[in-house]
Amino acid sequence: MERLHFACPKTGQDIDVGIDSELETLLRIRSNRVLARCPACGERHEWRVREARLPEAA
């Protein structure tokens, strides 16, 4: 399982939005969007799955 991390557009901080998925699934849904409340700034942001960083894969 991979954990999705995104960059907060306000702070640039790396955030974990709490989504786990298998790499095969991520490749299949990479054009989908994720809407989540950002723990860095408290606002809601929308990201494309393809914008995610996978820290365990790096």
C-alpha atoms as a PDB file:
ATOM      1  CA  MET A   1       0.000   0.000   0.000  1.00  0.00           C
ATOM      2  CA  GLU A   2       1.108   3.536  -0.777  1.00  0.00           C
ATOM      3  CA  ARG A   3       0.221   6.644   1.202  1.00  0.00           C
ATOM      4  CA  LEU A   4      -0.645   9.740  -0.845  1.00  0.00           C
ATOM      5  CA  HIS A   5       1.111  12.990   0.037  1.00  0.00           C
ATOM      6  CA  PHE A   6       0.379  16.333  -1.612  1.00  0.00           C
ATOM      7  CA  ALA A   7       1.825  19.841  -1.397  1.00  0.00           C
ATOM      8  CA  CYS A   8      -0.339  22.490   0.236  1.00  0.00           C
ATOM      9  CA  PRO A   9      -0.831  25.215  -2.407  1.00  0.00           C
ATOM     10  CA  LYS A  10      -0.746  27.907   0.300  1.00  0.00           C
ATOM     11  CA  THR A  11       2.247  26.823   2.373  1.00  0.00           C
ATOM     12  CA  GLY A  12       4.059  24.400   0.063  1.00  0.00           C
ATOM     13  CA  GLN A  13       4.219  21.993   3.013  1.00  0.00           C
ATOM     14  CA  ASP A  14       4.117  18.247   2.318  1.00  0.00           C
ATOM     15  CA  ILE A  15       0.878  16.825   3.730  1.00  0.00           C
ATOM     16  CA  ASP A  16      -0.585  13.381   4.242  1.00  0.00           C
ATOM     17  CA  VAL A  17      -4.320  13.370   3.469  1.00  0.00           C
ATOM     18  CA  GLY A  18      -4.821   9.912   4.962  1.00  0.00           C
ATOM     19  CA  ILE A  19      -5.393   7.946   1.751  1.00  0.00           C
ATOM     20  CA  ASP A  20      -3.790   4.524   1.268  1.00  0.00           C
ATOM     21  CA  SER A  21      -3.935   2.694  -2.042  1.00  0.00           C
ATOM     22  CA  GLU A  22      -2.150   0.056  -4.052  1.00  0.00           C
ATOM     23  CA  LEU A  23       0.175   1.329  -6.760  1.00  0.00           C
ATOM     24  CA  GLU A  24      -1.816  -0.431  -9.530  1.00  0.00           C
ATOM     25  CA  THR A  25      -4.980   1.375  -8.413  1.00  0.00           C
ATOM     26  CA  LEU A  26      -3.179   4.723  -8.294  1.00  0.00           C
ATOM     27  CA  LEU A  27      -1.999   4.274 -11.866  1.00  0.00           C
ATOM     28  CA  ARG A  28      -5.564   3.518 -12.959  1.00  0.00           C
ATOM     29  CA  ILE A  29      -7.100   6.550 -11.207  1.00  0.00           C
ATOM     30  CA  ARG A  30      -4.297   9.073 -11.746  1.00  0.00           C
ATOM     31  CA  SER A  31      -6.625  11.523 -13.556  1.00  0.00           C
ATOM     32  CA  ASN A  32      -9.150  11.497 -10.669  1.00  0.00           C
ATOM     33  CA  ARG A  33      -9.291  14.275  -8.109  1.00  0.00           C
ATOM     34  CA  VAL A  34      -8.995  14.232  -4.329  1.00  0.00           C
ATOM     35  CA  LEU A  35     -10.754  16.815  -2.168  1.00  0.00           C
ATOM     36  CA  ALA A  36      -9.502  17.058   1.420  1.00  0.00           C
ATOM     37  CA  ARG A  37      -9.060  19.460   4.295  1.00  0.00           C
ATOM     38  CA  CYS A  38      -5.430  20.442   4.531  1.00  0.00           C
ATOM     39  CA  PRO A  39      -3.814  19.911   7.940  1.00  0.00           C
ATOM     40  CA  ALA A  40      -1.193  22.578   7.096  1.00  0.00           C
ATOM     41  CA  CYS A  41      -3.542  25.548   6.511  1.00  0.00           C
ATOM     42  CA  GLY A  42      -7.014  24.243   7.421  1.00  0.00           C
ATOM     43  CA  GLU A  43      -8.551  24.973   3.998  1.00  0.00           C
ATOM     44  CA  ARG A  44     -10.049  22.467   1.575  1.00  0.00           C
ATOM     45  CA  HIS A  45      -7.960  21.771  -1.515  1.00  0.00           C
ATOM     46  CA  GLU A  46      -8.474  19.676  -4.607  1.00  0.00           C
ATOM     47  CA  TRP A  47      -5.559  17.782  -6.150  1.00  0.00           C
ATOM     48  CA  ARG A  48      -5.262  15.342  -9.022  1.00  0.00           C
ATOM     49  CA  VAL A  49      -4.044  11.903  -7.957  1.00  0.00           C
ATOM     50  CA  ARG A  50      -1.157  12.311 -10.437  1.00  0.00           C
ATOM     51  CA  GLU A  51       0.109  15.238  -8.301  1.00  0.00           C
ATOM     52  CA  ALA A  52       0.618  12.926  -5.322  1.00  0.00           C
ATOM     53  CA  ARG A  53       4.020  12.094  -3.947  1.00  0.00           C
ATOM     54  CA  LEU A  54       4.536   8.550  -2.722  1.00  0.00           C
ATOM     55  CA  PRO A  55       7.147   8.795   0.049  1.00  0.00           C
ATOM     56  CA  GLU A  56       7.596   5.019   0.413  1.00  0.00           C
ATOM     57  CA  ALA A  57       8.292   4.641  -3.308  1.00  0.00           C
ATOM     58  CA  ALA A  58      11.039   7.281  -3.266  1.00  0.00           C
END
